[in-house]
C-alpha atoms as a PDB file:
ATOM      1  CA  MET A   1      87.794  74.214  96.269  1.00  0.00           C
ATOM      2  CA  LYS A   2      88.491  77.632  97.751  1.00  0.00           C
ATOM      3  CA  LYS A   3      89.005  80.454  95.300  1.00  0.00           C
ATOM      4  CA  ILE A   4      92.176  82.451  95.861  1.00  0.00           C
ATOM      5  CA  ASN A   5      92.208  86.157  95.114  1.00  0.00           C
ATOM      6  CA  LEU A   6      95.365  86.861  93.148  1.00  0.00           C
ATOM      7  CA  THR A   7      94.703  90.588  92.896  1.00  0.00           C
ATOM      8  CA  PRO A   8      96.476  92.377  95.717  1.00  0.00           C
ATOM      9  CA  THR A   9      94.412  94.979  97.521  1.00  0.00           C
ATOM     10  CA  ASN A  10      96.094  98.142  98.550  1.00  0.00           C
ATOM     11  CA  HIS A  11      94.090  99.394 101.524  1.00  0.00           C
ATOM     12  CA  LYS A  12      96.543 102.222 102.152  1.00  0.00           C
ATOM     13  CA  ALA A  13      95.956 103.601  98.634  1.00  0.00           C
ATOM     14  CA  GLU A  14      92.163 103.272  99.090  1.00  0.00           C
ATOM     15  CA  ASN A  15      92.318 105.172 102.394  1.00  0.00           C
ATOM     16  CA  GLN A  16      94.431 107.915 100.825  1.00  0.00           C
ATOM     17  CA  GLU A  17      91.928 108.192  97.966  1.00  0.00           C
ATOM     18  CA  ASN A  18      89.062 108.452 100.465  1.00  0.00           C
ATOM     19  CA  ILE A  19      90.890 111.187 102.384  1.00  0.00           C
ATOM     20  CA  PHE A  20      91.522 113.050  99.121  1.00  0.00           C
ATOM     21  CA  PHE A  21      87.848 112.867  98.077  1.00  0.00           C
ATOM     22  CA  ASP A  22      86.679 113.882 101.562  1.00  0.00           C
ATOM     23  CA  ALA A  23      89.004 116.894 101.430  1.00  0.00           C
ATOM     24  CA  LEU A  24      87.676 117.870  97.994  1.00  0.00           C
ATOM     25  CA  ARG A  25      84.098 117.542  99.227  1.00  0.00           C
ATOM     26  CA  GLY A  26      85.010 119.744 102.180  1.00  0.00           C
ATOM     27  CA  VAL A  27      86.449 122.393  99.850  1.00  0.00           C
ATOM     28  CA  ALA A  28      83.310 122.236  97.701  1.00  0.00           C
ATOM     29  CA  ALA A  29      81.070 122.624 100.766  1.00  0.00           C
ATOM     30  CA  ILE A  30      83.095 125.610 102.004  1.00  0.00           C
ATOM     31  CA  LEU A  31      82.840 127.294  98.587  1.00  0.00           C
ATOM     32  CA  VAL A  32      79.053 126.863  98.557  1.00  0.00           C
ATOM     33  CA  TYR A  33      78.842 128.071 102.169  1.00  0.00           C
ATOM     34  CA  ILE A  34      80.837 131.205 101.359  1.00  0.00           C
ATOM     35  CA  SER A  35      78.529 132.004  98.450  1.00  0.00           C
ATOM     36  CA  HIS A  36      75.425 131.809 100.678  1.00  0.00           C
ATOM     37  CA  ALA A  37      76.612 132.869 104.129  1.00  0.00           C
ATOM     38  CA  ASP A  38      76.721 136.614 103.553  1.00  0.00           C
ATOM     39  CA  ALA A  39      72.892 136.819 103.399  1.00  0.00           C
ATOM     40  CA  ASN A  40      72.726 137.008 107.204  1.00  0.00           C
ATOM     41  CA  ARG A  41      76.317 138.058 107.721  1.00  0.00           C
ATOM     42  CA  PHE A  42      77.401 134.639 108.981  1.00  0.00           C
ATOM     43  CA  PHE A  43      80.483 135.132 106.858  1.00  0.00           C
ATOM     44  CA  TRP A  44      81.445 138.501 105.465  1.00  0.00           C
ATOM     45  CA  TYR A  45      84.759 139.173 103.758  1.00  0.00           C
ATOM     46  CA  GLU A  46      84.786 142.143 101.381  1.00  0.00           C
ATOM     47  CA  PRO A  47      87.512 140.943  98.951  1.00  0.00           C
ATOM     48  CA  ILE A  48      85.541 137.859  97.909  1.00  0.00           C
ATOM     49  CA  LEU A  49      82.105 139.471  97.597  1.00  0.00           C
ATOM     50  CA  PRO A  50      82.504 140.173  93.851  1.00  0.00           C
ATOM     51  CA  ILE A  51      83.356 136.515  93.142  1.00  0.00           C
ATOM     52  CA  LYS A  52      81.162 134.746  95.699  1.00  0.00           C
ATOM     53  CA  GLY A  53      78.722 133.593  92.990  1.00  0.00           C
ATOM     54  CA  ALA A  54      81.539 132.052  90.971  1.00  0.00           C
ATOM     55  CA  LEU A  55      82.901 130.352  94.103  1.00  0.00           C
ATOM     56  CA  GLY A  56      79.498 128.849  94.826  1.00  0.00           C
ATOM     57  CA  GLU A  57      79.121 127.658  91.253  1.00  0.00           C
ATOM     58  CA  LEU A  58      82.565 126.071  91.371  1.00  0.00           C
ATOM     59  CA  GLY A  59      81.674 124.355  94.653  1.00  0.00           C
ATOM     60  CA  VAL A  60      78.398 122.980  93.280  1.00  0.00           C
ATOM     61  CA  ASN A  61      80.048 121.714  90.089  1.00  0.00           C
ATOM     62  CA  LEU A  62      82.881 120.106  92.058  1.00  0.00           C
ATOM     63  CA  PHE A  63      80.355 118.462  94.367  1.00  0.00           C
ATOM     64  CA  PHE A  64      78.357 117.070  91.416  1.00  0.00           C
ATOM     65  CA  ILE A  65      81.463 115.669  89.758  1.00  0.00           C
ATOM     66  CA  LEU A  66      82.657 114.040  92.983  1.00  0.00           C
ATOM     67  CA  SER A  67      79.197 112.658  93.716  1.00  0.00           C
ATOM     68  CA  GLY A  68      78.976 111.089  90.279  1.00  0.00           C
ATOM     69  CA  HIS A  69      82.378 109.463  90.663  1.00  0.00           C
ATOM     70  CA  LEU A  70      81.736 108.180  94.195  1.00  0.00           C
ATOM     71  CA  ILE A  71      78.217 106.929  93.409  1.00  0.00           C
ATOM     72  CA  TRP A  72      79.499 105.081  90.348  1.00  0.00           C
ATOM     73  CA  ASN A  73      82.267 103.403  92.385  1.00  0.00           C
ATOM     74  CA  SER A  74      79.770 102.415  95.058  1.00  0.00           C
ATOM     75  CA  ALA A  75      77.361 101.031  92.467  1.00  0.00           C
ATOM     76  CA  GLN A  76      80.102  99.031  90.738  1.00  0.00           C
ATOM     77  CA  ASN A  77      81.125  97.451  94.036  1.00  0.00           C
ATOM     78  CA  ASN A  78      77.530  96.469  94.855  1.00  0.00           C
ATOM     79  CA  PHE A  79      76.645  95.205  91.374  1.00  0.00           C
ATOM     80  CA  LYS A  80      79.395  92.579  91.566  1.00  0.00           C
ATOM     81  CA  CYS A  81      77.395  90.493  94.028  1.00  0.00           C
ATOM     82  CA  GLU A  82      74.002  88.829  93.757  1.00  0.00           C
ATOM     83  CA  GLY A  83      71.134  91.231  94.479  1.00  0.00           C
ATOM     84  CA  GLY A  84      73.523  94.132  94.020  1.00  0.00           C
ATOM     85  CA  LEU A  85      70.967  96.602  92.715  1.00  0.00           C
ATOM     86  CA  ARG A  86      68.693  95.970  95.694  1.00  0.00           C
ATOM     87  CA  ILE A  87      71.607  96.262  98.128  1.00  0.00           C
ATOM     88  CA  TYR A  88      72.742  99.474  96.451  1.00  0.00           C
ATOM     89  CA  ALA A  89      69.245 101.010  96.607  1.00  0.00           C
ATOM     90  CA  ILE A  90      68.813 100.075 100.276  1.00  0.00           C
ATOM     91  CA  ASN A  91      72.239 101.482 101.174  1.00  0.00           C
ATOM     92  CA  ARG A  92      71.512 104.770  99.382  1.00  0.00           C
ATOM     93  CA  ALA A  93      68.051 105.115 100.904  1.00  0.00           C
ATOM     94  CA  THR A  94      69.193 104.401 104.454  1.00  0.00           C
ATOM     95  CA  ARG A  95      72.011 106.887 104.062  1.00  0.00           C
ATOM     96  CA  ILE A  96      70.050 109.751 102.489  1.00  0.00           C
ATOM     97  CA  LEU A  97      66.407 109.542 103.599  1.00  0.00           C
ATOM     98  CA  PRO A  98      66.778 109.962 107.390  1.00  0.00           C
ATOM     99  CA  LEU A  99      68.727 113.209 107.030  1.00  0.00           C
ATOM    100  CA  TYR A 100      66.360 114.402 104.299  1.00  0.00           C
ATOM    101  CA  PHE A 101      63.330 113.897 106.546  1.00  0.00           C
ATOM    102  CA  ILE A 102      65.127 115.553 109.473  1.00  0.00           C
ATOM    103  CA  SER A 103      65.868 118.583 107.280  1.00  0.00           C
ATOM    104  CA  ILE A 104      62.185 118.784 106.289  1.00  0.00           C
ATOM    105  CA  LEU A 105      61.240 118.648 109.976  1.00  0.00           C
ATOM    106  CA  PHE A 106      63.796 121.404 110.684  1.00  0.00           C
ATOM    107  CA  CYS A 107      62.307 123.580 107.929  1.00  0.00           C
ATOM    108  CA  ILE A 108      58.813 123.090 109.334  1.00  0.00           C
ATOM    109  CA  THR A 109      59.636 123.690 112.990  1.00  0.00           C
ATOM    110  CA  VAL A 110      62.765 125.813 113.368  1.00  0.00           C
ATOM    111  CA  LEU A 111      63.093 127.857 110.184  1.00  0.00           C
ATOM    112  CA  PRO A 112      59.894 129.889 110.747  1.00  0.00           C
ATOM    113  CA  THR A 113      61.200 131.049 114.150  1.00  0.00           C
ATOM    114  CA  LEU A 114      64.423 132.479 112.720  1.00  0.00           C
ATOM    115  CA  THR A 115      64.603 136.073 111.593  1.00  0.00           C
ATOM    116  CA  THR A 116      65.950 135.487 108.122  1.00  0.00           C
ATOM    117  CA  GLY A 117      65.067 136.855 104.725  1.00  0.00           C
ATOM    118  CA  PHE A 118      63.804 133.407 103.714  1.00  0.00           C
ATOM    119  CA  LEU A 119      60.492 132.345 105.165  1.00  0.00           C
ATOM    120  CA  PRO A 120      59.159 129.073 103.802  1.00  0.00           C
ATOM    121  CA  THR A 121      55.560 128.643 102.726  1.00  0.00           C
ATOM    122  CA  ILE A 122      54.468 125.755 104.882  1.00  0.00           C
ATOM    123  CA  THR A 123      51.329 124.034 103.671  1.00  0.00           C
ATOM    124  CA  ILE A 124      50.247 120.427 103.787  1.00  0.00           C
ATOM    125  CA  GLU A 125      50.601 120.277  99.997  1.00  0.00           C
ATOM    126  CA  ASN A 126      54.218 121.545 100.100  1.00  0.00           C
ATOM    127  CA  ILE A 127      55.137 119.122 102.872  1.00  0.00           C
ATOM    128  CA  LEU A 128      53.598 116.178 100.989  1.00  0.00           C
ATOM    129  CA  ARG A 129      55.363 117.200  97.784  1.00  0.00           C
ATOM    130  CA  HIS A 130      58.734 117.250  99.549  1.00  0.00           C
ATOM    131  CA  VAL A 131      58.118 113.968 101.377  1.00  0.00           C
ATOM    132  CA  THR A 132      57.155 112.270  98.097  1.00  0.00           C
ATOM    133  CA  PHE A 133      59.931 113.960  96.060  1.00  0.00           C
ATOM    134  CA  THR A 134      57.442 115.636  93.715  1.00  0.00           C
ATOM    135  CA  GLN A 135      58.248 119.247  94.647  1.00  0.00           C
ATOM    136  CA  GLY A 136      60.002 119.786  91.305  1.00  0.00           C
ATOM    137  CA  LEU A 137      56.699 119.235  89.502  1.00  0.00           C
ATOM    138  CA  LEU A 138      55.355 122.456  91.030  1.00  0.00           C
ATOM    139  CA  PRO A 139      57.900 125.268  90.848  1.00  0.00           C
ATOM    140  CA  LEU A 140      56.278 127.208  93.713  1.00  0.00           C
ATOM    141  CA  ALA A 141      56.795 124.261  96.065  1.00  0.00           C
ATOM    142  CA  ASN A 142      60.345 123.654  94.888  1.00  0.00           C
ATOM    143  CA  ARG A 143      61.874 126.078  97.392  1.00  0.00           C
END
């Protein structure tokens, strides 16, 4: 016997919620960008210089709150089915790891050629720590 879903789904409401969260994430990213971008004068606007640290902190906190909410919703949706934890872990890894490894490659190859105030210390040990997610165990490698 076929099970009938009696709970109506409101796809329009879900799409509006997604647009709202994407907009909030965009605002958070812009706030963090503004707080960092004046180092090389990518963005320089005198009136906000005194509060740029607070803007960045607000952006980071907003991003953490949104991430927690969105990750929890994603996990709840995956845990409803059989093998949900495995599916959730695979989805997260395939979404995050490729970009993470590309950013490490960027830091190794491109960042040293830029004339910025931040020059990374590139050693085999630092690369291995970042690839294995153990950089936090050695504060010098954390950056």
